[in-house]
PDB file of N, CA and C in Angstrom:
ATOM      1  N   MET A   1     -22.462 -21.881  -0.482  1.00  0.00           N
ATOM      2  CA  MET A   1     -22.491 -23.098   0.787  1.00  0.00           C
ATOM      3  C   MET A   1     -22.531 -22.581   2.094  1.00  0.00           C
ATOM      4  N   SER A   2     -22.773 -22.738   3.150  1.00  0.00           N
ATOM      5  CA  SER A   2     -23.315 -22.544   4.381  1.00  0.00           C
ATOM      6  C   SER A   2     -21.626 -22.615   5.310  1.00  0.00           C
ATOM      7  N   GLU A   3     -21.693 -22.291   6.462  1.00  0.00           N
ATOM      8  CA  GLU A   3     -20.421 -22.381   7.113  1.00  0.00           C
ATOM      9  C   GLU A   3     -19.699 -22.813   7.514  1.00  0.00           C
ATOM     10  N   GLN A   4     -20.578 -24.151   7.802  1.00  0.00           N
ATOM     11  CA  GLN A   4     -20.914 -25.489   8.470  1.00  0.00           C
ATOM     12  C   GLN A   4     -19.787 -26.165   7.268  1.00  0.00           C
ATOM     13  N   ASP A   5     -20.281 -26.089   5.864  1.00  0.00           N
ATOM     14  CA  ASP A   5     -19.756 -26.468   4.745  1.00  0.00           C
ATOM     15  C   ASP A   5     -18.356 -26.117   4.672  1.00  0.00           C
ATOM     16  N   LEU A   6     -17.395 -24.991   4.452  1.00  0.00           N
ATOM     17  CA  LEU A   6     -16.217 -24.728   4.942  1.00  0.00           C
ATOM     18  C   LEU A   6     -15.261 -25.290   5.800  1.00  0.00           C
ATOM     19  N   ILE A   7     -16.353 -25.138   6.900  1.00  0.00           N
ATOM     20  CA  ILE A   7     -15.331 -26.020   8.124  1.00  0.00           C
ATOM     21  C   ILE A   7     -14.996 -27.044   7.810  1.00  0.00           C
ATOM     22  N   ASN A   8     -15.990 -28.115   6.982  1.00  0.00           N
ATOM     23  CA  ASN A   8     -15.766 -29.137   6.945  1.00  0.00           C
ATOM     24  C   ASN A   8     -15.184 -29.621   5.778  1.00  0.00           C
ATOM     25  N   VAL A   9     -14.937 -28.827   4.941  1.00  0.00           N
ATOM     26  CA  VAL A   9     -13.773 -28.215   3.782  1.00  0.00           C
ATOM     27  C   VAL A   9     -12.243 -28.247   4.257  1.00  0.00           C
ATOM     28  N   THR A  10     -12.869 -27.471   5.297  1.00  0.00           N
ATOM     29  CA  THR A  10     -10.707 -26.756   6.499  1.00  0.00           C
ATOM     30  C   THR A  10     -10.137 -28.565   6.970  1.00  0.00           C
ATOM     31  N   ASN A  11     -11.150 -28.812   7.669  1.00  0.00           N
ATOM     32  CA  ASN A  11     -10.902 -29.576   8.678  1.00  0.00           C
ATOM     33  C   ASN A  11     -11.074 -31.456   7.866  1.00  0.00           C
ATOM     34  N   THR A  12     -11.605 -31.704   6.432  1.00  0.00           N
ATOM     35  CA  THR A  12     -11.023 -32.619   6.204  1.00  0.00           C
ATOM     36  C   THR A  12      -9.735 -32.721   5.262  1.00  0.00           C
ATOM     37  N   LEU A  13      -9.173 -31.613   4.768  1.00  0.00           N
ATOM     38  CA  LEU A  13      -7.710 -31.962   4.557  1.00  0.00           C
ATOM     39  C   LEU A  13      -6.665 -32.368   5.420  1.00  0.00           C
ATOM     40  N   SER A  14      -6.025 -33.418   4.977  1.00  0.00           N
ATOM     41  CA  SER A  14      -5.242 -33.333   5.792  1.00  0.00           C
ATOM     42  C   SER A  14      -3.873 -33.562   5.186  1.00  0.00           C
ATOM     43  N   ASN A  15      -3.458 -34.023   4.042  1.00  0.00           N
ATOM     44  CA  ASN A  15      -2.073 -33.724   3.069  1.00  0.00           C
ATOM     45  C   ASN A  15      -2.827 -33.244   2.308  1.00  0.00           C
ATOM     46  N   PRO A  16      -2.441 -31.709   1.909  1.00  0.00           N
ATOM     47  CA  PRO A  16      -3.062 -31.092   0.861  1.00  0.00           C
ATOM     48  C   PRO A  16      -2.299 -30.565  -0.307  1.00  0.00           C
ATOM     49  N   SER A  17      -2.534 -31.147  -1.500  1.00  0.00           N
ATOM     50  CA  SER A  17      -1.367 -30.707  -2.510  1.00  0.00           C
ATOM     51  C   SER A  17      -1.408 -28.679  -2.826  1.00  0.00           C
ATOM     52  N   SER A  18      -0.552 -28.498  -3.701  1.00  0.00           N
ATOM     53  CA  SER A  18      -0.512 -27.394  -3.837  1.00  0.00           C
ATOM     54  C   SER A  18      -2.172 -26.823  -4.082  1.00  0.00           C
ATOM     55  N   SER A  19      -2.681 -26.911  -5.275  1.00  0.00           N
ATOM     56  CA  SER A  19      -4.463 -26.705  -5.239  1.00  0.00           C
ATOM     57  C   SER A  19      -5.212 -27.006  -3.793  1.00  0.00           C
ATOM     58  N   ASP A  20      -4.970 -27.786  -3.586  1.00  0.00           N
ATOM     59  CA  ASP A  20      -5.856 -28.654  -2.560  1.00  0.00           C
ATOM     60  C   ASP A  20      -5.419 -27.538  -1.118  1.00  0.00           C
ATOM     61  N   GLN A  21      -3.718 -26.727  -0.770  1.00  0.00           N
ATOM     62  CA  GLN A  21      -3.978 -25.526  -0.125  1.00  0.00           C
ATOM     63  C   GLN A  21      -4.428 -24.764  -0.478  1.00  0.00           C
ATOM     64  N   ASP A  22      -4.347 -24.310  -2.127  1.00  0.00           N
ATOM     65  CA  ASP A  22      -4.500 -22.987  -2.278  1.00  0.00           C
ATOM     66  C   ASP A  22      -6.047 -23.521  -1.976  1.00  0.00           C
ATOM     67  N   SER A  23      -7.167 -23.958  -2.175  1.00  0.00           N
ATOM     68  CA  SER A  23      -8.774 -24.343  -1.476  1.00  0.00           C
ATOM     69  C   SER A  23      -9.261 -24.453  -0.236  1.00  0.00           C
ATOM     70  N   HIS A  24      -8.019 -24.967   0.870  1.00  0.00           N
ATOM     71  CA  HIS A  24      -8.250 -24.661   2.197  1.00  0.00           C
ATOM     72  C   HIS A  24      -7.639 -23.477   2.381  1.00  0.00           C
ATOM     73  N   THR A  25      -7.140 -22.302   1.759  1.00  0.00           N
ATOM     74  CA  THR A  25      -6.400 -21.216   1.610  1.00  0.00           C
ATOM     75  C   THR A  25      -7.710 -20.427   2.303  1.00  0.00           C
ATOM     76  N   LEU A  26      -8.239 -20.695   0.618  1.00  0.00           N
ATOM     77  CA  LEU A  26     -10.112 -19.632   0.239  1.00  0.00           C
ATOM     78  C   LEU A  26     -10.888 -19.839   1.135  1.00  0.00           C
ATOM     79  N   ALA A  27     -10.922 -21.476   1.204  1.00  0.00           N
ATOM     80  CA  ALA A  27     -11.812 -21.701   2.529  1.00  0.00           C
ATOM     81  C   ALA A  27     -12.171 -21.019   3.580  1.00  0.00           C
ATOM     82  N   LYS A  28     -10.594 -21.088   4.231  1.00  0.00           N
ATOM     83  CA  LYS A  28     -10.408 -20.088   5.664  1.00  0.00           C
ATOM     84  C   LYS A  28     -11.248 -18.605   5.280  1.00  0.00           C
ATOM     85  N   LEU A  29     -10.629 -18.645   4.684  1.00  0.00           N
ATOM     86  CA  LEU A  29     -10.477 -17.225   3.642  1.00  0.00           C
ATOM     87  C   LEU A  29     -12.533 -16.517   3.763  1.00  0.00           C
ATOM     88  N   ILE A  30     -13.276 -16.966   3.001  1.00  0.00           N
ATOM     89  CA  ILE A  30     -14.545 -17.308   3.603  1.00  0.00           C
ATOM     90  C   ILE A  30     -14.975 -17.462   4.671  1.00  0.00           C
ATOM     91  N   VAL A  31     -14.477 -18.093   5.557  1.00  0.00           N
ATOM     92  CA  VAL A  31     -15.451 -17.883   6.359  1.00  0.00           C
ATOM     93  C   VAL A  31     -14.424 -16.909   7.999  1.00  0.00           C
ATOM     94  N   GLU A  32     -13.740 -16.654   6.881  1.00  0.00           N
ATOM     95  CA  GLU A  32     -13.090 -15.093   8.161  1.00  0.00           C
ATOM     96  C   GLU A  32     -14.219 -13.846   7.577  1.00  0.00           C
ATOM     97  N   ILE A  33     -14.090 -14.230   5.835  1.00  0.00           N
ATOM     98  CA  ILE A  33     -15.603 -13.062   5.699  1.00  0.00           C
ATOM     99  C   ILE A  33     -16.430 -12.875   5.959  1.00  0.00           C
ATOM    100  N   GLN A  34     -17.003 -14.146   6.089  1.00  0.00           N
ATOM    101  CA  GLN A  34     -18.328 -14.411   6.895  1.00  0.00           C
ATOM    102  C   GLN A  34     -18.677 -14.062   8.391  1.00  0.00           C
ATOM    103  N   GLN A  35     -17.624 -14.052   8.845  1.00  0.00           N
ATOM    104  CA  GLN A  35     -17.835 -13.269  10.306  1.00  0.00           C
ATOM    105  C   GLN A  35     -17.798 -11.733  10.142  1.00  0.00           C
ATOM    106  N   ILE A  36     -17.543 -11.087   9.339  1.00  0.00           N
ATOM    107  CA  ILE A  36     -17.604 -10.107   9.218  1.00  0.00           C
ATOM    108  C   ILE A  36     -18.825  -9.097   9.386  1.00  0.00           C
ATOM    109  N   PRO A  37     -19.287  -8.500  10.020  1.00  0.00           N
ATOM    110  CA  PRO A  37     -20.824  -7.751   9.546  1.00  0.00           C
ATOM    111  C   PRO A  37     -20.989  -6.891   8.420  1.00  0.00           C
ATOM    112  N   GLU A  38     -21.982  -7.319   8.160  1.00  0.00           N
ATOM    113  CA  GLU A  38     -22.309  -6.905   6.510  1.00  0.00           C
ATOM    114  C   GLU A  38     -22.378  -4.814   6.811  1.00  0.00           C
ATOM    115  N   GLU A  39     -22.161  -4.233   7.097  1.00  0.00           N
ATOM    116  CA  GLU A  39     -21.717  -3.354   7.188  1.00  0.00           C
ATOM    117  C   GLU A  39     -20.392  -2.711   7.045  1.00  0.00           C
ATOM    118  N   TYR A  40     -19.685  -4.028   6.880  1.00  0.00           N
ATOM    119  CA  TYR A  40     -18.085  -3.217   7.347  1.00  0.00           C
ATOM    120  C   TYR A  40     -17.732  -3.778   5.950  1.00  0.00           C
ATOM    121  N   LEU A  41     -18.222  -4.455   4.831  1.00  0.00           N
ATOM    122  CA  LEU A  41     -18.457  -5.751   3.670  1.00  0.00           C
ATOM    123  C   LEU A  41     -17.940  -4.923   3.023  1.00  0.00           C
ATOM    124  N   PRO A  42     -17.951  -3.021   2.707  1.00  0.00           N
ATOM    125  CA  PRO A  42     -17.403  -2.324   1.889  1.00  0.00           C
ATOM    126  C   PRO A  42     -16.447  -1.558   1.758  1.00  0.00           C
ATOM    127  N   ASN A  43     -16.034  -1.647   3.121  1.00  0.00           N
ATOM    128  CA  ASN A  43     -14.522  -1.573   3.405  1.00  0.00           C
ATOM    129  C   ASN A  43     -13.501  -2.565   3.473  1.00  0.00           C
ATOM    130  N   LEU A  44     -14.001  -3.565   3.270  1.00  0.00           N
ATOM    131  CA  LEU A  44     -12.677  -5.276   3.202  1.00  0.00           C
ATOM    132  C   LEU A  44     -12.996  -4.905   1.448  1.00  0.00           C
ATOM    133  N   LEU A  45     -13.994  -4.630   1.183  1.00  0.00           N
ATOM    134  CA  LEU A  45     -13.541  -4.688  -0.475  1.00  0.00           C
ATOM    135  C   LEU A  45     -12.372  -3.793  -0.741  1.00  0.00           C
ATOM    136  N   GLN A  46     -12.531  -2.777  -0.434  1.00  0.00           N
ATOM    137  CA  GLN A  46     -11.284  -1.223  -0.409  1.00  0.00           C
ATOM    138  C   GLN A  46     -10.393  -1.601  -0.064  1.00  0.00           C
ATOM    139  N   LYS A  47     -10.263  -2.824   0.946  1.00  0.00           N
ATOM    140  CA  LYS A  47      -9.134  -3.887   1.648  1.00  0.00           C
ATOM    141  C   LYS A  47      -8.542  -4.546   0.620  1.00  0.00           C
ATOM    142  N   VAL A  48      -9.065  -4.836   0.411  1.00  0.00           N
ATOM    143  CA  VAL A  48      -9.188  -6.041  -0.550  1.00  0.00           C
ATOM    144  C   VAL A  48      -8.383  -5.656  -1.951  1.00  0.00           C
ATOM    145  N   ARG A  49      -8.866  -5.373  -2.467  1.00  0.00           N
ATOM    146  CA  ARG A  49      -8.066  -4.376  -3.558  1.00  0.00           C
ATOM    147  C   ARG A  49      -7.283  -3.860  -4.004  1.00  0.00           C
ATOM    148  N   LEU A  50      -6.661  -2.730  -2.733  1.00  0.00           N
ATOM    149  CA  LEU A  50      -6.194  -2.096  -2.481  1.00  0.00           C
ATOM    150  C   LEU A  50      -4.717  -3.334  -2.418  1.00  0.00           C
ATOM    151  N   PHE A  51      -4.818  -4.135  -1.152  1.00  0.00           N
ATOM    152  CA  PHE A  51      -3.771  -4.691  -0.950  1.00  0.00           C
ATOM    153  C   PHE A  51      -3.330  -5.872  -2.279  1.00  0.00           C
ATOM    154  N   ARG A  52      -4.172  -5.862  -3.239  1.00  0.00           N
ATOM    155  CA  ARG A  52      -4.455  -6.699  -4.237  1.00  0.00           C
ATOM    156  C   ARG A  52      -3.571  -5.473  -5.940  1.00  0.00           C
ATOM    157  N   GLU A  53      -3.640  -4.535  -5.340  1.00  0.00           N
ATOM    158  CA  GLU A  53      -2.778  -3.736  -6.136  1.00  0.00           C
ATOM    159  C   GLU A  53      -1.739  -3.524  -6.156  1.00  0.00           C
ATOM    160  N   LYS A  54      -1.448  -3.548  -4.849  1.00  0.00           N
ATOM    161  CA  LYS A  54      -0.179  -3.332  -4.619  1.00  0.00           C
ATOM    162  C   LYS A  54       0.667  -4.018  -4.401  1.00  0.00           C
ATOM    163  N   VAL A  55       0.251  -5.044  -4.430  1.00  0.00           N
ATOM    164  CA  VAL A  55       0.969  -6.447  -4.708  1.00  0.00           C
ATOM    165  C   VAL A  55       1.556  -6.733  -6.036  1.00  0.00           C
ATOM    166  N   THR A  56       0.419  -6.643  -6.653  1.00  0.00           N
ATOM    167  CA  THR A  56       0.497  -6.384  -8.299  1.00  0.00           C
ATOM    168  C   THR A  56       1.701  -5.514  -8.848  1.00  0.00           C
ATOM    169  N   MET A  57       1.866  -4.139  -8.318  1.00  0.00           N
ATOM    170  CA  MET A  57       2.386  -3.218  -8.445  1.00  0.00           C
ATOM    171  C   MET A  57       3.935  -3.332  -8.217  1.00  0.00           C
ATOM    172  N   ASN A  58       4.129  -4.020  -6.661  1.00  0.00           N
ATOM    173  CA  ASN A  58       5.131  -4.604  -6.352  1.00  0.00           C
ATOM    174  C   ASN A  58       6.142  -5.625  -7.045  1.00  0.00           C
ATOM    175  N   ALA A  59       5.648  -6.076  -7.244  1.00  0.00           N
ATOM    176  CA  ALA A  59       5.615  -7.517  -8.713  1.00  0.00           C
ATOM    177  C   ALA A  59       5.754  -6.584  -9.886  1.00  0.00           C
ATOM    178  N   VAL A  60       5.376  -5.744 -10.113  1.00  0.00           N
ATOM    179  CA  VAL A  60       5.812  -4.959 -11.531  1.00  0.00           C
ATOM    180  C   VAL A  60       7.381  -4.459 -11.542  1.00  0.00           C
ATOM    181  N   ALA A  61       6.876  -3.825 -10.048  1.00  0.00           N
ATOM    182  CA  ALA A  61       7.999  -2.610  -9.973  1.00  0.00           C
ATOM    183  C   ALA A  61       9.587  -3.294  -9.820  1.00  0.00           C
ATOM    184  N   SER A  62       9.335  -4.178  -9.130  1.00  0.00           N
ATOM    185  CA  SER A  62      10.545  -4.990  -8.934  1.00  0.00           C
ATOM    186  C   SER A  62      11.326  -6.335 -10.038  1.00  0.00           C
ATOM    187  N   ASP A  63      10.248  -6.536 -11.854  1.00  0.00           N
ATOM    188  CA  ASP A  63      10.691  -6.830 -11.947  1.00  0.00           C
ATOM    189  C   ASP A  63      11.585  -5.539 -13.486  1.00  0.00           C
ATOM    190  N   THR A  64      10.937  -4.547 -13.522  1.00  0.00           N
ATOM    191  CA  THR A  64      11.575  -3.296 -14.132  1.00  0.00           C
ATOM    192  C   THR A  64      12.857  -2.631 -13.426  1.00  0.00           C
ATOM    193  N   TYR A  65      13.292  -2.859 -12.629  1.00  0.00           N
ATOM    194  CA  TYR A  65      14.309  -2.667 -12.182  1.00  0.00           C
ATOM    195  C   TYR A  65      15.557  -4.000 -11.889  1.00  0.00           C
ATOM    196  N   ALA A  66      14.721  -4.766 -11.858  1.00  0.00           N
ATOM    197  CA  ALA A  66      15.960  -6.398 -12.232  1.00  0.00           C
ATOM    198  C   ALA A  66      16.453  -6.205 -13.433  1.00  0.00           C
ATOM    199  N   LYS A  67      15.072  -5.823 -14.769  1.00  0.00           N
ATOM    200  CA  LYS A  67      15.791  -6.064 -16.167  1.00  0.00           C
ATOM    201  C   LYS A  67      16.334  -4.613 -16.579  1.00  0.00           C
ATOM    202  N   ALA A  68      16.188  -2.913 -15.750  1.00  0.00           N
ATOM    203  CA  ALA A  68      16.885  -2.270 -15.596  1.00  0.00           C
ATOM    204  C   ALA A  68      18.940  -2.528 -15.277  1.00  0.00           C
ATOM    205  N   ILE A  69      19.008  -3.911 -14.170  1.00  0.00           N
ATOM    206  CA  ILE A  69      20.124  -3.444 -13.949  1.00  0.00           C
ATOM    207  C   ILE A  69      20.888  -4.432 -14.677  1.00  0.00           C
ATOM    208  N   ASP A  70      20.096  -5.712 -14.943  1.00  0.00           N
ATOM    209  CA  ASP A  70      20.311  -6.230 -16.250  1.00  0.00           C
ATOM    210  C   ASP A  70      20.556  -5.728 -17.244  1.00  0.00           C
ATOM    211  N   GLU A  71      20.447  -4.690 -17.541  1.00  0.00           N
ATOM    212  CA  GLU A  71      20.813  -3.939 -19.128  1.00  0.00           C
ATOM    213  C   GLU A  71      21.767  -3.181 -18.960  1.00  0.00           C
ATOM    214  N   ILE A  72      22.265  -2.548 -17.548  1.00  0.00           N
ATOM    215  CA  ILE A  72      22.900  -2.234 -16.987  1.00  0.00           C
ATOM    216  C   ILE A  72      24.717  -2.946 -16.864  1.00  0.00           C
ATOM    217  N   ASN A  73      24.324  -3.880 -16.612  1.00  0.00           N
ATOM    218  CA  ASN A  73      25.087  -5.165 -16.068  1.00  0.00           C
ATOM    219  C   ASN A  73      25.767  -5.735 -17.969  1.00  0.00           C
ATOM    220  N   ASN A  74      24.274  -6.172 -18.592  1.00  0.00           N
ATOM    221  CA  ASN A  74      24.786  -6.508 -19.798  1.00  0.00           C
ATOM    222  C   ASN A  74      25.273  -5.778 -21.644  1.00  0.00           C
ATOM    223  N   SER A  75      25.592  -4.368 -21.052  1.00  0.00           N
ATOM    224  CA  SER A  75      24.979  -3.738 -21.945  1.00  0.00           C
ATOM    225  C   SER A  75      26.982  -4.261 -23.003  1.00  0.00           C
ATOM    226  N   ASP A  76      26.241  -4.207 -24.284  1.00  0.00           N
ATOM    227  CA  ASP A  76      27.671  -4.586 -25.215  1.00  0.00           C
ATOM    228  C   ASP A  76      28.615  -3.027 -25.284  1.00  0.00           C
ATOM    229  N   SER A  77      29.861  -3.394 -25.916  1.00  0.00           N
ATOM    230  CA  SER A  77      30.942  -2.133 -25.703  1.00  0.00           C
ATOM    231  C   SER A  77      30.348  -1.339 -26.211  1.00  0.00           C
ATOM    232  N   ILE A  78      29.521  -1.705 -27.450  1.00  0.00           N
ATOM    233  CA  ILE A  78      29.415  -0.809 -28.668  1.00  0.00           C
ATOM    234  C   ILE A  78      28.253   0.348 -28.388  1.00  0.00           C
ATOM    235  N   ARG A  79      26.984  -0.415 -27.282  1.00  0.00           N
ATOM    236  CA  ARG A  79      26.136   0.490 -26.645  1.00  0.00           C
ATOM    237  C   ARG A  79      26.918   1.315 -26.017  1.00  0.00           C
ATOM    238  N   LYS A  80      27.562   0.805 -24.707  1.00  0.00           N
ATOM    239  CA  LYS A  80      27.653   2.009 -23.854  1.00  0.00           C
ATOM    240  C   LYS A  80      29.442   2.917 -24.603  1.00  0.00           C
ATOM    241  N   SER A  81      29.655   2.694 -25.980  1.00  0.00           N
ATOM    242  CA  SER A  81      30.137   3.885 -26.154  1.00  0.00           C
ATOM    243  C   SER A  81      29.344   4.542 -26.852  1.00  0.00           C
ATOM    244  N   LEU A  82      27.372   3.914 -27.729  1.00  0.00           N
ATOM    245  CA  LEU A  82      26.913   4.976 -28.102  1.00  0.00           C
ATOM    246  C   LEU A  82      26.164   6.185 -26.960  1.00  0.00           C
ATOM    247  N   GLN A  83      26.125   5.045 -25.868  1.00  0.00           N
ATOM    248  CA  GLN A  83      25.741   6.202 -24.224  1.00  0.00           C
ATOM    249  C   GLN A  83      26.963   7.162 -24.094  1.00  0.00           C
ATOM    250  N   GLN A  84      28.000   6.589 -24.104  1.00  0.00           N
ATOM    251  CA  GLN A  84      28.576   7.713 -23.829  1.00  0.00           C
ATOM    252  C   GLN A  84      28.688   9.263 -24.469  1.00  0.00           C
ATOM    253  N   ILE A  85      28.439   8.547 -26.094  1.00  0.00           N
ATOM    254  CA  ILE A  85      28.501   9.859 -27.095  1.00  0.00           C
ATOM    255  C   ILE A  85      27.106  10.678 -26.854  1.00  0.00           C
ATOM    256  N   ALA A  86      26.076   9.678 -26.793  1.00  0.00           N
ATOM    257  CA  ALA A  86      24.803  10.285 -25.935  1.00  0.00           C
ATOM    258  C   ALA A  86      24.946  11.167 -25.164  1.00  0.00           C
ATOM    259  N   LEU A  87      25.328  11.099 -24.143  1.00  0.00           N
ATOM    260  CA  LEU A  87      25.772  11.749 -22.866  1.00  0.00           C
ATOM    261  C   LEU A  87      26.635  12.822 -22.988  1.00  0.00           C
ATOM    262  N   SER A  88      27.608  12.387 -23.799  1.00  0.00           N
ATOM    263  CA  SER A  88      28.962  14.129 -24.033  1.00  0.00           C
ATOM    264  C   SER A  88      27.506  14.805 -25.084  1.00  0.00           C
ATOM    265  N   GLU A  89      27.332  14.478 -26.048  1.00  0.00           N
ATOM    266  CA  GLU A  89      26.325  15.591 -26.563  1.00  0.00           C
ATOM    267  C   GLU A  89      25.135  15.589 -25.575  1.00  0.00           C
ATOM    268  N   LEU A  90      24.546  15.676 -24.660  1.00  0.00           N
ATOM    269  CA  LEU A  90      23.398  16.066 -23.984  1.00  0.00           C
ATOM    270  C   LEU A  90      24.816  17.096 -23.803  1.00  0.00           C
ATOM    271  N   LEU A  91      25.093  16.909 -22.797  1.00  0.00           N
ATOM    272  CA  LEU A  91      26.342  17.674 -22.058  1.00  0.00           C
ATOM    273  C   LEU A  91      26.867  19.346 -23.050  1.00  0.00           C
ATOM    274  N   ARG A  92      27.182  19.022 -23.855  1.00  0.00           N
ATOM    275  CA  ARG A  92      27.650  20.170 -24.536  1.00  0.00           C
ATOM    276  C   ARG A  92      25.632  20.798 -25.079  1.00  0.00           C
ATOM    277  N   GLN A  93      25.039  20.174 -25.601  1.00  0.00           N
ATOM    278  CA  GLN A  93      23.554  21.394 -25.881  1.00  0.00           C
ATOM    279  C   GLN A  93      23.249  22.127 -24.557  1.00  0.00           C
ATOM    280  N   TRP A  94      23.848  21.416 -23.015  1.00  0.00           N
ATOM    281  CA  TRP A  94      23.145  21.798 -22.498  1.00  0.00           C
ATOM    282  C   TRP A  94      24.052  23.443 -21.683  1.00  0.00           C
ATOM    283  N   GLU A  95      25.197  23.121 -21.956  1.00  0.00           N
ATOM    284  CA  GLU A  95      26.439  24.435 -21.931  1.00  0.00           C
ATOM    285  C   GLU A  95      26.259  25.668 -23.079  1.00  0.00           C
ATOM    286  N   GLU A  96      25.812  25.456 -24.244  1.00  0.00           N
ATOM    287  CA  GLU A  96      25.145  25.927 -25.563  1.00  0.00           C
ATOM    288  C   GLU A  96      23.949  26.815 -26.058  1.00  0.00           C
ATOM    289  N   GLU A  97      23.503  25.378 -25.117  1.00  0.00           N
ATOM    290  CA  GLU A  97      21.572  26.629 -24.775  1.00  0.00           C
ATOM    291  C   GLU A  97      21.611  27.570 -23.611  1.00  0.00           C
ATOM    292  N   GLY A  98      22.005  27.192 -22.811  1.00  0.00           N
ATOM    293  CA  GLY A  98      21.915  28.050 -21.146  1.00  0.00           C
ATOM    294  C   GLY A  98      23.191  29.085 -20.771  1.00  0.00           C
ATOM    295  N   ASP A  99      22.860  29.584 -20.594  1.00  0.00           N
ATOM    296  CA  ASP A  99      23.931  30.892 -20.374  1.00  0.00           C
ATOM    297  C   ASP A  99      24.114  31.210 -18.204  1.00  0.00           C
ATOM    298  N   GLU A 100      22.909  30.024 -17.848  1.00  0.00           N
ATOM    299  CA  GLU A 100      22.687  30.596 -16.767  1.00  0.00           C
ATOM    300  C   GLU A 100      24.118  29.997 -15.822  1.00  0.00           C
ATOM    301  N   LEU A 101      24.553  30.091 -14.716  1.00  0.00           N
ATOM    302  CA  LEU A 101      25.430  29.885 -14.371  1.00  0.00           C
ATOM    303  C   LEU A 101      25.337  28.118 -13.378  1.00  0.00           C
ATOM    304  N   GLU A 102      24.296  28.073 -12.797  1.00  0.00           N
ATOM    305  CA  GLU A 102      23.792  27.131 -12.848  1.00  0.00           C
ATOM    306  C   GLU A 102      23.652  25.834 -13.531  1.00  0.00           C
ATOM    307  N   GLN A 103      23.602  26.203 -14.649  1.00  0.00           N
ATOM    308  CA  GLN A 103      23.270  25.053 -15.955  1.00  0.00           C
ATOM    309  C   GLN A 103      24.960  25.199 -16.285  1.00  0.00           C
ATOM    310  N   THR A 104      25.579  25.569 -16.277  1.00  0.00           N
ATOM    311  CA  THR A 104      27.132  25.485 -16.851  1.00  0.00           C
ATOM    312  C   THR A 104      27.661  24.773 -15.393  1.00  0.00           C
ATOM    313  N   GLU A 105      27.704  24.849 -14.035  1.00  0.00           N
ATOM    314  CA  GLU A 105      28.266  24.725 -13.012  1.00  0.00           C
ATOM    315  C   GLU A 105      27.947  23.030 -13.305  1.00  0.00           C
ATOM    316  N   THR A 106      26.636  22.602 -13.251  1.00  0.00           N
ATOM    317  CA  THR A 106      26.215  21.350 -13.223  1.00  0.00           C
ATOM    318  C   THR A 106      26.457  20.500 -14.536  1.00  0.00           C
ATOM    319  N   ALA A 107      26.896  21.457 -15.396  1.00  0.00           N
ATOM    320  CA  ALA A 107      26.964  19.988 -16.965  1.00  0.00           C
ATOM    321  C   ALA A 107      28.982  20.133 -16.201  1.00  0.00           C
ATOM    322  N   GLU A 108      29.774  20.770 -15.769  1.00  0.00           N
ATOM    323  CA  GLU A 108      30.868  20.766 -15.232  1.00  0.00           C
ATOM    324  C   GLU A 108      30.727  19.907 -14.436  1.00  0.00           C
ATOM    325  N   ILE A 109      30.415  19.430 -13.624  1.00  0.00           N
ATOM    326  CA  ILE A 109      29.882  18.839 -12.479  1.00  0.00           C
ATOM    327  C   ILE A 109      30.106  17.471 -12.671  1.00  0.00           C
ATOM    328  N   LEU A 110      28.935  17.189 -14.046  1.00  0.00           N
ATOM    329  CA  LEU A 110      28.951  15.927 -14.731  1.00  0.00           C
ATOM    330  C   LEU A 110      30.253  15.869 -15.752  1.00  0.00           C
ATOM    331  N   ARG A 111      30.487  16.505 -16.058  1.00  0.00           N
ATOM    332  CA  ARG A 111      31.734  16.078 -17.020  1.00  0.00           C
ATOM    333  C   ARG A 111      32.196  15.191 -16.169  1.00  0.00           C
ATOM    334  N   GLN A 112      33.026  16.231 -15.316  1.00  0.00           N
ATOM    335  CA  GLN A 112      33.974  15.648 -14.723  1.00  0.00           C
ATOM    336  C   GLN A 112      33.614  13.465 -14.197  1.00  0.00           C
ATOM    337  N   ALA A 113      32.336  14.366 -13.380  1.00  0.00           N
ATOM    338  CA  ALA A 113      32.432  12.298 -12.835  1.00  0.00           C
ATOM    339  C   ALA A 113      32.069  11.208 -13.665  1.00  0.00           C
ATOM    340  N   LYS A 114      31.829  11.838 -15.414  1.00  0.00           N
ATOM    341  CA  LYS A 114      31.649  11.313 -16.289  1.00  0.00           C
ATOM    342  C   LYS A 114      33.561  10.356 -16.603  1.00  0.00           C
ATOM    343  N   GLN A 115      34.176  11.811 -16.825  1.00  0.00           N
ATOM    344  CA  GLN A 115      35.397  11.088 -16.368  1.00  0.00           C
ATOM    345  C   GLN A 115      36.474  10.071 -15.697  1.00  0.00           C
ATOM    346  N   GLU A 116      35.848  10.902 -14.637  1.00  0.00           N
ATOM    347  CA  GLU A 116      36.528  10.146 -13.016  1.00  0.00           C
ATOM    348  C   GLU A 116      36.201   8.345 -13.338  1.00  0.00           C
ATOM    349  N   ALA A 117      34.268   8.064 -13.443  1.00  0.00           N
ATOM    350  CA  ALA A 117      33.961   7.225 -13.224  1.00  0.00           C
ATOM    351  C   ALA A 117      32.911   7.139 -14.203  1.00  0.00           C
ATOM    352  N   PRO A 118      33.549   6.715 -15.646  1.00  0.00           N
ATOM    353  CA  PRO A 118      32.390   6.569 -16.433  1.00  0.00           C
ATOM    354  C   PRO A 118      31.166   6.272 -16.331  1.00  0.00           C
ATOM    355  N   VAL A 119      29.896   6.135 -16.532  1.00  0.00           N
ATOM    356  CA  VAL A 119      28.448   5.486 -16.339  1.00  0.00           C
ATOM    357  C   VAL A 119      28.194   5.297 -17.573  1.00  0.00           C
ATOM    358  N   SER A 120      27.472   4.179 -17.560  1.00  0.00           N
ATOM    359  CA  SER A 120      25.934   4.287 -18.762  1.00  0.00           C
ATOM    360  C   SER A 120      24.750   4.389 -18.156  1.00  0.00           C
ATOM    361  N   ILE A 121      24.116   5.293 -19.048  1.00  0.00           N
ATOM    362  CA  ILE A 121      22.666   5.591 -18.798  1.00  0.00           C
ATOM    363  C   ILE A 121      22.121   4.742 -19.916  1.00  0.00           C
TER     364      ILE A 121
END
């Protein structure tokens, strides 16, 4: 498709539907790309790929975060109790397995925080 054909497609879309808008945007993008000197196209390709990866990663990260928050907010009481037991057991193991002062202090801080405001992990 020539540049003039793309410009004609772009100019003839007066009331675009959703798929027409996609075509319109794609046509405009192609026109812009065709104006870039050929020696810069590998750099542009790299930037487009990085952009796509970032957009994809942001969507995945956002979805994962939302699922984690939903899990925390909507856990049933049995599951929360099991998580509290597991946390208590982990703290007990830390105290028994290590004799370093820092490890013991950390376990005590976590135990106090758990008693003051129980959390689910």
